[in-house]
Amino acid sequence: MDEKQETRTCGRCHRKVAETNFALHEMHCRRFLCVCPECDEVVPRMHLEQHREEQHGQVSTDTHMHLTTVPLEPHTSVCSQVKCSKCNQKMECRHLKDHESDECQERLSVCHFCNLELPWKKQGEHLLVCGSRTNLCEDCGHYILWREQQEHDSTCSGAHGASAKIKVAVRCEASSPAEDIEKHELECLLLASEEEEEEQQEKKVICSPTR
């Protein structure tokens, strides 16, 4: 009965090879196979350029490049796969900067209405709600939608002096031109005093004893 043959694992292709054939196999591997520096996949040396172009979008300018003699560390560090820290999407390192600034759906963006920071993918829904809120225009006294504020500022009649600025009186809550508001409030106060005095006189008449 034959004894079980001892095997060794090839460090290049990671296959188990009979000990007796290992030296020949290793020589064959070194000559005809190579490891892709981007994905660590073992590919035929003659097909390396095709593999890198199809799988990694790269074309080598050196058709006779020997991976066993050319230092690969600088190139590998540039082309290695990385993961976006916000959305966990994998990509080549050279694309990460553009992805994080312009493409990542989880990147933070500031609402130009309320200055709240939130993920880009939620901006559309937030802007729809936030832009529907209203703000009182101090120039014309109208309530304006936030999303229409910029357009309103350029056309507001009060802001351009076509009509007086409007303010609301504290006592009666009536609207009045800004330059007349003090006079209006004084008249309001005098009128209220006269009404109170009349009420007091009426009470005296009602409460006075009849003879």
N, C-alpha and C. Protein backbone atom coordinates (compact mmCIF):
# COMPACT_ATOMS: atom_id res chain seq x y z
N MET A 1 0.85 -1.19 0.00
CA MET A 1 0.00 0.00 0.00
C MET A 1 0.88 1.24 0.00
N ASP A 2 0.58 2.16 -0.92
CA ASP A 2 1.42 3.34 -1.04
C ASP A 2 1.22 4.26 0.15
N GLU A 3 2.31 4.85 0.60
CA GLU A 3 2.23 5.81 1.69
C GLU A 3 1.70 7.13 1.14
N LYS A 4 1.01 7.87 2.00
CA LYS A 4 0.45 9.16 1.61
C LYS A 4 1.58 10.15 1.34
N GLN A 5 1.54 10.80 0.16
CA GLN A 5 2.60 11.73 -0.21
C GLN A 5 2.52 13.01 0.61
N GLU A 6 3.69 13.51 0.99
CA GLU A 6 3.75 14.79 1.69
C GLU A 6 3.57 15.92 0.67
N THR A 7 2.91 17.02 1.13
CA THR A 7 2.64 18.16 0.24
C THR A 7 3.14 19.45 0.87
N ARG A 8 3.33 20.45 0.03
CA ARG A 8 3.68 21.79 0.48
C ARG A 8 2.78 22.79 -0.25
N THR A 9 2.52 23.90 0.41
CA THR A 9 1.67 24.93 -0.21
C THR A 9 2.54 25.95 -0.93
N CYS A 10 2.22 26.18 -2.18
CA CYS A 10 2.97 27.14 -2.98
C CYS A 10 2.65 28.55 -2.49
N GLY A 11 3.68 29.32 -2.21
CA GLY A 11 3.46 30.67 -1.71
C GLY A 11 2.95 31.64 -2.76
N ARG A 12 2.98 31.26 -4.02
CA ARG A 12 2.55 32.15 -5.08
C ARG A 12 1.10 31.89 -5.48
N CYS A 13 0.75 30.63 -5.76
CA CYS A 13 -0.61 30.31 -6.19
C CYS A 13 -1.45 29.68 -5.08
N HIS A 14 -0.81 29.41 -3.93
CA HIS A 14 -1.49 28.87 -2.74
C HIS A 14 -2.10 27.48 -2.96
N ARG A 15 -1.57 26.75 -3.91
CA ARG A 15 -2.02 25.37 -4.12
C ARG A 15 -1.13 24.40 -3.36
N LYS A 16 -1.71 23.26 -3.00
CA LYS A 16 -0.92 22.20 -2.36
C LYS A 16 -0.27 21.34 -3.45
N VAL A 17 1.04 21.18 -3.34
CA VAL A 17 1.81 20.47 -4.36
C VAL A 17 2.61 19.36 -3.68
N ALA A 18 2.68 18.23 -4.35
CA ALA A 18 3.47 17.12 -3.81
C ALA A 18 4.91 17.56 -3.60
N GLU A 19 5.48 17.15 -2.48
CA GLU A 19 6.84 17.55 -2.11
C GLU A 19 7.84 17.21 -3.21
N THR A 20 7.62 16.10 -3.84
CA THR A 20 8.57 15.66 -4.87
C THR A 20 8.54 16.55 -6.11
N ASN A 21 7.40 17.20 -6.35
CA ASN A 21 7.26 18.05 -7.54
C ASN A 21 7.33 19.54 -7.21
N PHE A 22 7.58 19.86 -5.97
CA PHE A 22 7.45 21.26 -5.54
C PHE A 22 8.45 22.18 -6.23
N ALA A 23 9.70 21.76 -6.34
CA ALA A 23 10.73 22.62 -6.94
C ALA A 23 10.37 22.96 -8.39
N LEU A 24 9.89 21.97 -9.14
CA LEU A 24 9.51 22.20 -10.53
C LEU A 24 8.29 23.12 -10.61
N HIS A 25 7.33 22.86 -9.72
CA HIS A 25 6.11 23.67 -9.70
C HIS A 25 6.44 25.12 -9.37
N GLU A 26 7.31 25.33 -8.37
CA GLU A 26 7.66 26.67 -7.94
C GLU A 26 8.35 27.43 -9.08
N MET A 27 9.20 26.76 -9.82
CA MET A 27 9.88 27.38 -10.95
C MET A 27 8.87 27.79 -12.02
N HIS A 28 7.89 26.92 -12.27
CA HIS A 28 6.85 27.21 -13.26
C HIS A 28 6.02 28.42 -12.82
N CYS A 29 5.64 28.45 -11.53
CA CYS A 29 4.82 29.55 -11.00
C CYS A 29 5.55 30.88 -11.13
N ARG A 30 6.83 30.87 -10.76
CA ARG A 30 7.61 32.10 -10.78
C ARG A 30 7.73 32.65 -12.20
N ARG A 31 7.77 31.75 -13.15
CA ARG A 31 7.98 32.16 -14.53
C ARG A 31 6.70 32.61 -15.23
N PHE A 32 5.59 31.92 -14.97
CA PHE A 32 4.38 32.16 -15.74
C PHE A 32 3.25 32.86 -14.97
N LEU A 33 3.33 32.91 -13.65
CA LEU A 33 2.26 33.53 -12.87
C LEU A 33 2.78 34.74 -12.11
N CYS A 34 1.86 35.65 -11.75
CA CYS A 34 2.21 36.80 -10.92
C CYS A 34 1.00 37.19 -10.08
N VAL A 35 1.23 38.02 -9.07
CA VAL A 35 0.15 38.46 -8.18
C VAL A 35 -0.21 39.90 -8.52
N CYS A 36 -1.50 40.13 -8.75
CA CYS A 36 -1.96 41.49 -9.03
C CYS A 36 -1.80 42.33 -7.77
N PRO A 37 -1.12 43.46 -7.83
CA PRO A 37 -0.89 44.28 -6.64
C PRO A 37 -2.14 44.97 -6.12
N GLU A 38 -3.20 45.06 -6.95
CA GLU A 38 -4.42 45.72 -6.51
C GLU A 38 -5.35 44.79 -5.72
N CYS A 39 -5.44 43.52 -6.15
CA CYS A 39 -6.42 42.62 -5.51
C CYS A 39 -5.80 41.33 -5.00
N ASP A 40 -4.47 41.16 -5.14
CA ASP A 40 -3.77 39.96 -4.67
C ASP A 40 -4.22 38.68 -5.37
N GLU A 41 -4.86 38.81 -6.51
CA GLU A 41 -5.29 37.63 -7.26
C GLU A 41 -4.13 37.12 -8.13
N VAL A 42 -3.98 35.79 -8.16
CA VAL A 42 -2.93 35.19 -9.00
C VAL A 42 -3.44 35.09 -10.43
N VAL A 43 -2.71 35.71 -11.37
CA VAL A 43 -3.13 35.70 -12.77
C VAL A 43 -1.92 35.34 -13.64
N PRO A 44 -2.15 34.77 -14.84
CA PRO A 44 -1.04 34.52 -15.75
C PRO A 44 -0.31 35.83 -16.06
N ARG A 45 1.00 35.80 -16.05
CA ARG A 45 1.78 37.01 -16.25
C ARG A 45 1.43 37.69 -17.59
N MET A 46 1.18 36.90 -18.61
CA MET A 46 0.90 37.47 -19.92
C MET A 46 -0.47 38.16 -19.98
N HIS A 47 -1.33 37.85 -19.00
CA HIS A 47 -2.67 38.45 -18.99
C HIS A 47 -2.81 39.53 -17.91
N LEU A 48 -1.71 39.92 -17.28
CA LEU A 48 -1.79 40.88 -16.17
C LEU A 48 -2.34 42.23 -16.63
N GLU A 49 -1.84 42.74 -17.76
CA GLU A 49 -2.30 44.04 -18.23
C GLU A 49 -3.79 44.02 -18.54
N GLN A 50 -4.25 42.93 -19.16
CA GLN A 50 -5.68 42.80 -19.47
C GLN A 50 -6.50 42.75 -18.19
N HIS A 51 -6.00 42.01 -17.20
CA HIS A 51 -6.69 41.91 -15.91
C HIS A 51 -6.79 43.28 -15.24
N ARG A 52 -5.70 44.03 -15.22
CA ARG A 52 -5.71 45.33 -14.55
C ARG A 52 -6.61 46.33 -15.27
N GLU A 53 -6.65 46.25 -16.60
CA GLU A 53 -7.49 47.17 -17.36
C GLU A 53 -8.98 46.85 -17.15
N GLU A 54 -9.31 45.55 -17.15
CA GLU A 54 -10.72 45.16 -17.02
C GLU A 54 -11.23 45.27 -15.60
N GLN A 55 -10.39 44.89 -14.62
CA GLN A 55 -10.85 44.85 -13.24
C GLN A 55 -10.59 46.14 -12.46
N HIS A 56 -9.54 46.89 -12.87
CA HIS A 56 -9.16 48.07 -12.08
C HIS A 56 -9.05 49.35 -12.90
N GLY A 57 -9.35 49.27 -14.18
CA GLY A 57 -9.33 50.46 -15.02
C GLY A 57 -7.94 51.06 -15.18
N GLN A 58 -6.89 50.23 -15.16
CA GLN A 58 -5.52 50.71 -15.28
C GLN A 58 -4.82 50.01 -16.43
N VAL A 59 -3.94 50.76 -17.09
CA VAL A 59 -3.15 50.21 -18.19
C VAL A 59 -1.69 50.47 -17.89
N SER A 60 -0.88 49.44 -17.91
CA SER A 60 0.55 49.59 -17.65
C SER A 60 1.24 50.10 -18.89
N THR A 61 2.16 51.06 -18.71
CA THR A 61 2.92 51.57 -19.85
C THR A 61 4.14 50.73 -20.12
N ASP A 62 4.44 49.79 -19.22
CA ASP A 62 5.61 48.93 -19.38
C ASP A 62 5.13 47.52 -19.68
N THR A 63 5.19 47.13 -20.96
CA THR A 63 4.68 45.82 -21.36
C THR A 63 5.59 44.70 -20.90
N HIS A 64 6.79 45.01 -20.41
CA HIS A 64 7.71 43.98 -19.96
C HIS A 64 7.97 44.08 -18.47
N MET A 65 6.97 44.59 -17.73
CA MET A 65 7.17 44.78 -16.30
C MET A 65 7.29 43.43 -15.59
N HIS A 66 8.29 43.27 -14.74
CA HIS A 66 8.47 42.06 -13.97
C HIS A 66 8.16 42.38 -12.52
N LEU A 67 7.08 41.83 -12.02
CA LEU A 67 6.63 42.17 -10.67
C LEU A 67 7.57 41.68 -9.59
N THR A 68 8.39 40.72 -9.91
CA THR A 68 9.28 40.19 -8.88
C THR A 68 10.49 41.08 -8.65
N THR A 69 10.76 41.99 -9.59
CA THR A 69 11.96 42.83 -9.46
C THR A 69 11.64 44.30 -9.28
N VAL A 70 10.42 44.74 -9.69
CA VAL A 70 10.06 46.15 -9.57
C VAL A 70 9.38 46.38 -8.23
N PRO A 71 9.81 47.36 -7.41
CA PRO A 71 9.16 47.64 -6.13
C PRO A 71 7.73 48.13 -6.35
N LEU A 72 6.76 47.55 -5.64
CA LEU A 72 5.36 47.85 -5.88
C LEU A 72 4.71 48.66 -4.77
N GLU A 73 5.41 48.89 -3.65
CA GLU A 73 4.78 49.53 -2.51
C GLU A 73 4.14 50.88 -2.83
N PRO A 74 4.87 51.82 -3.50
CA PRO A 74 4.25 53.12 -3.78
C PRO A 74 3.00 53.00 -4.65
N HIS A 75 3.06 52.14 -5.70
CA HIS A 75 1.92 51.98 -6.59
C HIS A 75 0.74 51.35 -5.86
N THR A 76 1.02 50.34 -5.04
CA THR A 76 -0.05 49.65 -4.33
C THR A 76 -0.76 50.58 -3.37
N SER A 77 -0.01 51.47 -2.71
CA SER A 77 -0.63 52.37 -1.75
C SER A 77 -1.59 53.34 -2.43
N VAL A 78 -1.33 53.67 -3.71
CA VAL A 78 -2.20 54.60 -4.43
C VAL A 78 -3.45 53.91 -4.93
N CYS A 79 -3.30 52.65 -5.40
CA CYS A 79 -4.40 51.97 -6.08
C CYS A 79 -5.17 51.00 -5.19
N SER A 80 -4.81 50.85 -3.95
CA SER A 80 -5.47 49.87 -3.10
C SER A 80 -6.91 50.26 -2.82
N GLN A 81 -7.73 49.27 -2.53
CA GLN A 81 -9.13 49.50 -2.24
C GLN A 81 -9.28 50.14 -0.85
N VAL A 82 -10.14 51.15 -0.76
CA VAL A 82 -10.42 51.80 0.52
C VAL A 82 -11.93 51.87 0.69
N LYS A 83 -12.35 52.19 1.91
CA LYS A 83 -13.77 52.23 2.22
C LYS A 83 -14.13 53.62 2.74
N CYS A 84 -15.22 54.18 2.23
CA CYS A 84 -15.69 55.49 2.69
C CYS A 84 -16.14 55.36 4.15
N SER A 85 -15.66 56.25 4.99
CA SER A 85 -15.97 56.17 6.42
C SER A 85 -17.42 56.51 6.72
N LYS A 86 -18.12 57.14 5.77
CA LYS A 86 -19.51 57.56 6.02
C LYS A 86 -20.53 56.56 5.50
N CYS A 87 -20.32 56.05 4.27
CA CYS A 87 -21.31 55.15 3.67
C CYS A 87 -20.79 53.72 3.49
N ASN A 88 -19.50 53.49 3.81
CA ASN A 88 -18.88 52.16 3.73
C ASN A 88 -18.75 51.62 2.31
N GLN A 89 -18.92 52.46 1.31
CA GLN A 89 -18.75 52.02 -0.07
C GLN A 89 -17.26 51.84 -0.37
N LYS A 90 -16.91 50.74 -1.07
CA LYS A 90 -15.51 50.48 -1.42
C LYS A 90 -15.18 51.10 -2.76
N MET A 91 -13.96 51.59 -2.87
CA MET A 91 -13.51 52.20 -4.12
C MET A 91 -12.00 52.29 -4.10
N GLU A 92 -11.40 52.62 -5.24
CA GLU A 92 -9.97 52.83 -5.28
C GLU A 92 -9.63 54.14 -4.60
N CYS A 93 -8.47 54.18 -3.99
CA CYS A 93 -8.05 55.32 -3.18
C CYS A 93 -8.12 56.63 -3.95
N ARG A 94 -7.82 56.60 -5.23
CA ARG A 94 -7.77 57.83 -6.02
C ARG A 94 -9.14 58.46 -6.22
N HIS A 95 -10.21 57.68 -5.97
CA HIS A 95 -11.56 58.21 -6.13
C HIS A 95 -12.17 58.69 -4.80
N LEU A 96 -11.51 58.41 -3.70
CA LEU A 96 -12.12 58.66 -2.39
C LEU A 96 -12.41 60.14 -2.15
N LYS A 97 -11.47 61.02 -2.47
CA LYS A 97 -11.64 62.45 -2.19
C LYS A 97 -12.85 63.02 -2.91
N ASP A 98 -12.99 62.71 -4.21
CA ASP A 98 -14.14 63.20 -4.97
C ASP A 98 -15.44 62.60 -4.45
N HIS A 99 -15.40 61.33 -4.07
CA HIS A 99 -16.59 60.67 -3.55
C HIS A 99 -17.07 61.34 -2.27
N GLU A 100 -16.16 61.60 -1.35
CA GLU A 100 -16.53 62.19 -0.05
C GLU A 100 -17.04 63.61 -0.20
N SER A 101 -16.53 64.36 -1.18
CA SER A 101 -16.94 65.77 -1.31
C SER A 101 -18.16 65.97 -2.20
N ASP A 102 -18.38 65.08 -3.20
CA ASP A 102 -19.44 65.33 -4.18
C ASP A 102 -20.46 64.21 -4.36
N GLU A 103 -20.12 62.97 -3.97
CA GLU A 103 -20.97 61.84 -4.34
C GLU A 103 -21.61 61.12 -3.16
N CYS A 104 -20.94 61.06 -2.03
CA CYS A 104 -21.42 60.29 -0.89
C CYS A 104 -22.77 60.81 -0.40
N GLN A 105 -23.74 59.91 -0.31
CA GLN A 105 -25.08 60.30 0.13
C GLN A 105 -25.14 60.60 1.63
N GLU A 106 -24.10 60.18 2.37
CA GLU A 106 -24.08 60.40 3.81
C GLU A 106 -23.27 61.64 4.19
N ARG A 107 -22.68 62.33 3.20
CA ARG A 107 -21.88 63.51 3.52
C ARG A 107 -22.77 64.61 4.11
N LEU A 108 -22.21 65.38 5.03
CA LEU A 108 -22.99 66.41 5.71
C LEU A 108 -23.17 67.63 4.82
N SER A 109 -24.35 68.20 4.88
CA SER A 109 -24.67 69.39 4.11
C SER A 109 -25.46 70.34 5.00
N VAL A 110 -25.29 71.64 4.79
CA VAL A 110 -25.94 72.65 5.65
C VAL A 110 -27.18 73.20 4.95
N CYS A 111 -28.29 73.20 5.66
CA CYS A 111 -29.54 73.79 5.14
C CYS A 111 -29.36 75.30 5.07
N HIS A 112 -29.61 75.92 3.90
CA HIS A 112 -29.42 77.35 3.77
C HIS A 112 -30.57 78.16 4.34
N PHE A 113 -31.60 77.47 4.86
CA PHE A 113 -32.68 78.18 5.54
C PHE A 113 -32.42 78.30 7.04
N CYS A 114 -32.05 77.15 7.67
CA CYS A 114 -31.91 77.14 9.14
C CYS A 114 -30.50 76.82 9.61
N ASN A 115 -29.57 76.58 8.66
CA ASN A 115 -28.16 76.27 8.98
C ASN A 115 -27.98 74.96 9.74
N LEU A 116 -28.96 74.06 9.66
CA LEU A 116 -28.83 72.75 10.29
C LEU A 116 -28.00 71.83 9.41
N GLU A 117 -27.06 71.07 10.04
CA GLU A 117 -26.25 70.10 9.32
C GLU A 117 -26.95 68.75 9.33
N LEU A 118 -27.09 68.14 8.16
CA LEU A 118 -27.71 66.82 8.07
C LEU A 118 -27.21 66.11 6.82
N PRO A 119 -27.36 64.75 6.76
CA PRO A 119 -26.86 63.99 5.61
C PRO A 119 -27.49 64.47 4.30
N TRP A 120 -26.70 64.41 3.23
CA TRP A 120 -27.15 64.88 1.92
C TRP A 120 -28.43 64.19 1.47
N LYS A 121 -28.56 62.88 1.75
CA LYS A 121 -29.72 62.14 1.26
C LYS A 121 -31.02 62.60 1.92
N LYS A 122 -30.93 63.34 3.02
CA LYS A 122 -32.13 63.84 3.71
C LYS A 122 -32.41 65.31 3.40
N GLN A 123 -31.56 65.94 2.60
CA GLN A 123 -31.70 67.36 2.33
C GLN A 123 -32.99 67.69 1.61
N GLY A 124 -33.35 66.89 0.60
CA GLY A 124 -34.54 67.19 -0.20
C GLY A 124 -35.79 67.28 0.64
N GLU A 125 -36.01 66.27 1.48
CA GLU A 125 -37.20 66.25 2.34
C GLU A 125 -37.16 67.40 3.35
N HIS A 126 -35.96 67.64 3.91
CA HIS A 126 -35.83 68.71 4.91
C HIS A 126 -36.10 70.08 4.29
N LEU A 127 -35.55 70.35 3.10
CA LEU A 127 -35.73 71.65 2.47
C LEU A 127 -37.20 71.91 2.12
N LEU A 128 -37.92 70.85 1.77
CA LEU A 128 -39.34 71.00 1.44
C LEU A 128 -40.13 71.48 2.65
N VAL A 129 -39.82 70.90 3.82
CA VAL A 129 -40.52 71.28 5.05
C VAL A 129 -40.02 72.62 5.57
N CYS A 130 -38.68 72.76 5.62
CA CYS A 130 -38.09 73.96 6.18
C CYS A 130 -38.43 75.19 5.34
N GLY A 131 -38.42 75.04 4.03
CA GLY A 131 -38.72 76.17 3.15
C GLY A 131 -40.17 76.60 3.17
N SER A 132 -41.05 75.76 3.76
CA SER A 132 -42.47 76.09 3.84
C SER A 132 -42.80 76.93 5.06
N ARG A 133 -41.82 77.11 5.95
CA ARG A 133 -42.05 77.98 7.11
C ARG A 133 -42.09 79.44 6.65
N THR A 134 -42.71 80.30 7.47
CA THR A 134 -42.87 81.70 7.08
C THR A 134 -42.12 82.63 8.03
N ASN A 135 -41.83 83.81 7.53
CA ASN A 135 -41.13 84.82 8.30
C ASN A 135 -41.77 86.17 8.01
N LEU A 136 -41.97 86.99 9.06
CA LEU A 136 -42.60 88.29 8.89
C LEU A 136 -41.62 89.28 8.28
N CYS A 137 -41.98 89.85 7.16
CA CYS A 137 -41.14 90.87 6.53
C CYS A 137 -41.37 92.19 7.25
N GLU A 138 -40.34 92.75 7.82
CA GLU A 138 -40.46 94.00 8.58
C GLU A 138 -40.67 95.21 7.67
N ASP A 139 -40.39 95.05 6.40
CA ASP A 139 -40.54 96.17 5.47
C ASP A 139 -41.97 96.36 4.99
N CYS A 140 -42.66 95.22 4.72
CA CYS A 140 -44.01 95.35 4.17
C CYS A 140 -45.09 94.76 5.08
N GLY A 141 -44.66 94.04 6.14
CA GLY A 141 -45.63 93.49 7.08
C GLY A 141 -46.29 92.20 6.64
N HIS A 142 -45.84 91.59 5.55
CA HIS A 142 -46.42 90.35 5.08
C HIS A 142 -45.57 89.16 5.56
N TYR A 143 -46.24 88.00 5.70
CA TYR A 143 -45.53 86.76 6.03
C TYR A 143 -45.08 86.09 4.74
N ILE A 144 -43.78 85.79 4.64
CA ILE A 144 -43.19 85.27 3.42
C ILE A 144 -42.61 83.88 3.66
N LEU A 145 -42.84 82.95 2.71
CA LEU A 145 -42.22 81.63 2.80
C LEU A 145 -40.70 81.76 2.75
N TRP A 146 -40.02 80.94 3.55
CA TRP A 146 -38.56 81.01 3.58
C TRP A 146 -37.95 80.75 2.21
N ARG A 147 -38.54 79.82 1.46
CA ARG A 147 -37.95 79.52 0.16
C ARG A 147 -38.17 80.63 -0.86
N GLU A 148 -39.08 81.57 -0.54
CA GLU A 148 -39.34 82.70 -1.44
C GLU A 148 -38.76 84.00 -0.91
N GLN A 149 -38.03 83.92 0.21
CA GLN A 149 -37.53 85.12 0.87
C GLN A 149 -36.58 85.91 -0.02
N GLN A 150 -35.64 85.21 -0.69
CA GLN A 150 -34.65 85.90 -1.52
C GLN A 150 -35.32 86.65 -2.67
N GLU A 151 -36.29 86.01 -3.30
CA GLU A 151 -37.01 86.67 -4.39
C GLU A 151 -37.83 87.84 -3.87
N HIS A 152 -38.43 87.66 -2.69
CA HIS A 152 -39.23 88.73 -2.09
C HIS A 152 -38.37 89.94 -1.74
N ASP A 153 -37.16 89.68 -1.23
CA ASP A 153 -36.28 90.79 -0.85
C ASP A 153 -35.96 91.70 -2.03
N SER A 154 -35.91 91.11 -3.23
CA SER A 154 -35.57 91.91 -4.41
C SER A 154 -36.77 92.65 -4.99
N THR A 155 -37.99 92.28 -4.56
CA THR A 155 -39.18 92.91 -5.12
C THR A 155 -40.05 93.60 -4.07
N CYS A 156 -39.69 93.49 -2.79
CA CYS A 156 -40.52 94.04 -1.71
C CYS A 156 -40.67 95.55 -1.87
N SER A 157 -41.90 96.04 -1.92
CA SER A 157 -42.15 97.46 -2.11
C SER A 157 -41.66 98.28 -0.92
N GLY A 158 -41.80 97.71 0.28
CA GLY A 158 -41.35 98.43 1.48
C GLY A 158 -39.85 98.59 1.51
N ALA A 159 -39.13 97.57 1.09
CA ALA A 159 -37.67 97.61 1.12
C ALA A 159 -37.12 98.63 0.14
N HIS A 160 -37.87 98.92 -0.95
CA HIS A 160 -37.38 99.84 -1.97
C HIS A 160 -38.01 101.23 -1.84
N GLY A 161 -38.72 101.46 -0.75
CA GLY A 161 -39.22 102.80 -0.46
C GLY A 161 -40.46 103.19 -1.23
N ALA A 162 -41.08 102.23 -1.94
CA ALA A 162 -42.30 102.58 -2.66
C ALA A 162 -43.44 102.83 -1.71
N SER A 163 -43.41 102.20 -0.57
CA SER A 163 -44.41 102.45 0.48
C SER A 163 -43.70 102.41 1.81
N ALA A 164 -44.32 102.98 2.84
CA ALA A 164 -43.68 103.09 4.15
C ALA A 164 -43.54 101.73 4.80
N LYS A 165 -42.54 101.60 5.67
CA LYS A 165 -42.38 100.38 6.46
C LYS A 165 -43.55 100.28 7.44
N ILE A 166 -44.01 99.04 7.61
CA ILE A 166 -45.18 98.81 8.44
C ILE A 166 -44.77 98.27 9.81
N LYS A 167 -45.40 98.80 10.87
CA LYS A 167 -45.20 98.28 12.21
C LYS A 167 -46.55 98.09 12.88
N VAL A 168 -46.57 97.24 13.91
CA VAL A 168 -47.82 96.90 14.59
C VAL A 168 -47.85 97.60 15.94
N ALA A 169 -48.94 98.27 16.22
CA ALA A 169 -49.09 98.98 17.50
C ALA A 169 -49.23 97.98 18.64
N VAL A 170 -48.62 98.29 19.77
CA VAL A 170 -48.62 97.37 20.92
C VAL A 170 -50.00 97.26 21.54
N ARG A 171 -50.71 98.40 21.70
CA ARG A 171 -51.98 98.40 22.43
C ARG A 171 -53.13 97.82 21.61
N CYS A 172 -53.28 98.29 20.38
CA CYS A 172 -54.44 97.87 19.59
C CYS A 172 -54.10 96.85 18.51
N GLU A 173 -52.79 96.58 18.32
CA GLU A 173 -52.31 95.61 17.34
C GLU A 173 -52.69 95.98 15.91
N ALA A 174 -52.91 97.26 15.67
CA ALA A 174 -53.22 97.72 14.31
C ALA A 174 -51.92 98.03 13.58
N SER A 175 -51.90 97.82 12.25
CA SER A 175 -50.73 98.12 11.44
C SER A 175 -50.71 99.59 11.08
N SER A 176 -49.48 100.14 11.05
CA SER A 176 -49.35 101.56 10.74
C SER A 176 -47.96 101.81 10.17
N PRO A 177 -47.78 102.81 9.29
CA PRO A 177 -46.44 103.13 8.79
C PRO A 177 -45.48 103.39 9.95
N ALA A 178 -44.25 103.01 9.78
CA ALA A 178 -43.28 103.09 10.86
C ALA A 178 -43.11 104.50 11.40
N GLU A 179 -43.11 105.50 10.50
CA GLU A 179 -42.89 106.87 10.97
C GLU A 179 -44.11 107.43 11.73
N ASP A 180 -45.28 106.77 11.60
CA ASP A 180 -46.49 107.26 12.26
C ASP A 180 -46.85 106.44 13.49
N ILE A 181 -46.03 105.39 13.79
CA ILE A 181 -46.44 104.47 14.84
C ILE A 181 -46.49 105.13 16.21
N GLU A 182 -45.55 106.04 16.51
CA GLU A 182 -45.55 106.70 17.82
C GLU A 182 -46.79 107.58 17.98
N LYS A 183 -47.12 108.33 16.93
CA LYS A 183 -48.31 109.20 16.97
C LYS A 183 -49.57 108.35 17.14
N HIS A 184 -49.61 107.22 16.42
CA HIS A 184 -50.78 106.34 16.52
C HIS A 184 -50.93 105.77 17.92
N GLU A 185 -49.82 105.33 18.51
CA GLU A 185 -49.88 104.75 19.85
C GLU A 185 -50.29 105.81 20.89
N LEU A 186 -49.85 107.07 20.70
CA LEU A 186 -50.24 108.15 21.61
C LEU A 186 -51.74 108.42 21.51
N GLU A 187 -52.24 108.45 20.28
CA GLU A 187 -53.68 108.64 20.08
C GLU A 187 -54.46 107.49 20.70
N CYS A 188 -53.88 106.27 20.55
CA CYS A 188 -54.51 105.08 21.11
C CYS A 188 -54.62 105.22 22.63
N LEU A 189 -53.54 105.71 23.23
CA LEU A 189 -53.49 105.86 24.69
C LEU A 189 -54.48 106.91 25.17
N LEU A 190 -54.55 108.04 24.47
CA LEU A 190 -55.49 109.11 24.85
C LEU A 190 -56.93 108.63 24.71
N LEU A 191 -57.19 107.91 23.61
CA LEU A 191 -58.55 107.40 23.39
C LEU A 191 -58.94 106.42 24.48
N ALA A 192 -57.99 105.56 24.87
CA ALA A 192 -58.27 104.58 25.92
C ALA A 192 -58.53 105.30 27.26
N SER A 193 -57.79 106.39 27.54
CA SER A 193 -57.98 107.16 28.78
C SER A 193 -59.35 107.82 28.81
N GLU A 194 -59.77 108.37 27.65
CA GLU A 194 -61.09 109.00 27.57
C GLU A 194 -62.18 107.97 27.79
N GLU A 195 -62.00 106.77 27.20
CA GLU A 195 -63.02 105.72 27.37
C GLU A 195 -63.11 105.28 28.82
N GLU A 196 -61.96 105.19 29.49
CA GLU A 196 -61.96 104.80 30.91
C GLU A 196 -62.64 105.87 31.76
N GLU A 197 -62.38 107.15 31.42
CA GLU A 197 -62.99 108.25 32.18
C GLU A 197 -64.50 108.25 32.01
N GLU A 198 -64.96 107.99 30.79
CA GLU A 198 -66.40 107.94 30.52
C GLU A 198 -67.05 106.79 31.29
N GLU A 199 -66.35 105.66 31.35
CA GLU A 199 -66.89 104.51 32.09
C GLU A 199 -67.01 104.83 33.57
N GLN A 200 -66.01 105.55 34.11
CA GLN A 200 -66.06 105.93 35.53
C GLN A 200 -67.24 106.87 35.80
N GLN A 201 -67.49 107.83 34.88
CA GLN A 201 -68.61 108.75 35.05
C GLN A 201 -69.94 108.01 35.02
N GLU A 202 -70.04 107.02 34.09
CA GLU A 202 -71.28 106.25 33.99
C GLU A 202 -71.53 105.47 35.27
N LYS A 203 -70.46 104.92 35.85
CA LYS A 203 -70.60 104.16 37.09
C LYS A 203 -71.06 105.05 38.24
N LYS A 204 -70.55 106.30 38.29
CA LYS A 204 -70.95 107.23 39.34
C LYS A 204 -72.43 107.57 39.24
N VAL A 205 -72.89 107.73 37.96
CA VAL A 205 -74.29 108.06 37.75
C VAL A 205 -75.17 106.89 38.19
N ILE A 206 -74.77 105.70 37.85
CA ILE A 206 -75.57 104.52 38.18
C ILE A 206 -75.58 104.28 39.69
N CYS A 207 -74.45 104.52 40.33
CA CYS A 207 -74.33 104.21 41.75
C CYS A 207 -74.82 105.34 42.66
N SER A 208 -75.06 106.56 42.12
CA SER A 208 -75.49 107.67 42.99
C SER A 208 -76.90 107.44 43.48
N PRO A 209 -77.22 107.70 44.79
CA PRO A 209 -78.56 107.45 45.33
C PRO A 209 -79.58 108.45 44.77
N THR A 210 -80.75 107.98 44.49
CA THR A 210 -81.84 108.85 43.99
C THR A 210 -82.57 109.47 45.17
N ARG A 211 -83.02 110.72 45.03
CA ARG A 211 -83.76 111.42 46.11
C ARG A 211 -85.25 111.18 45.95
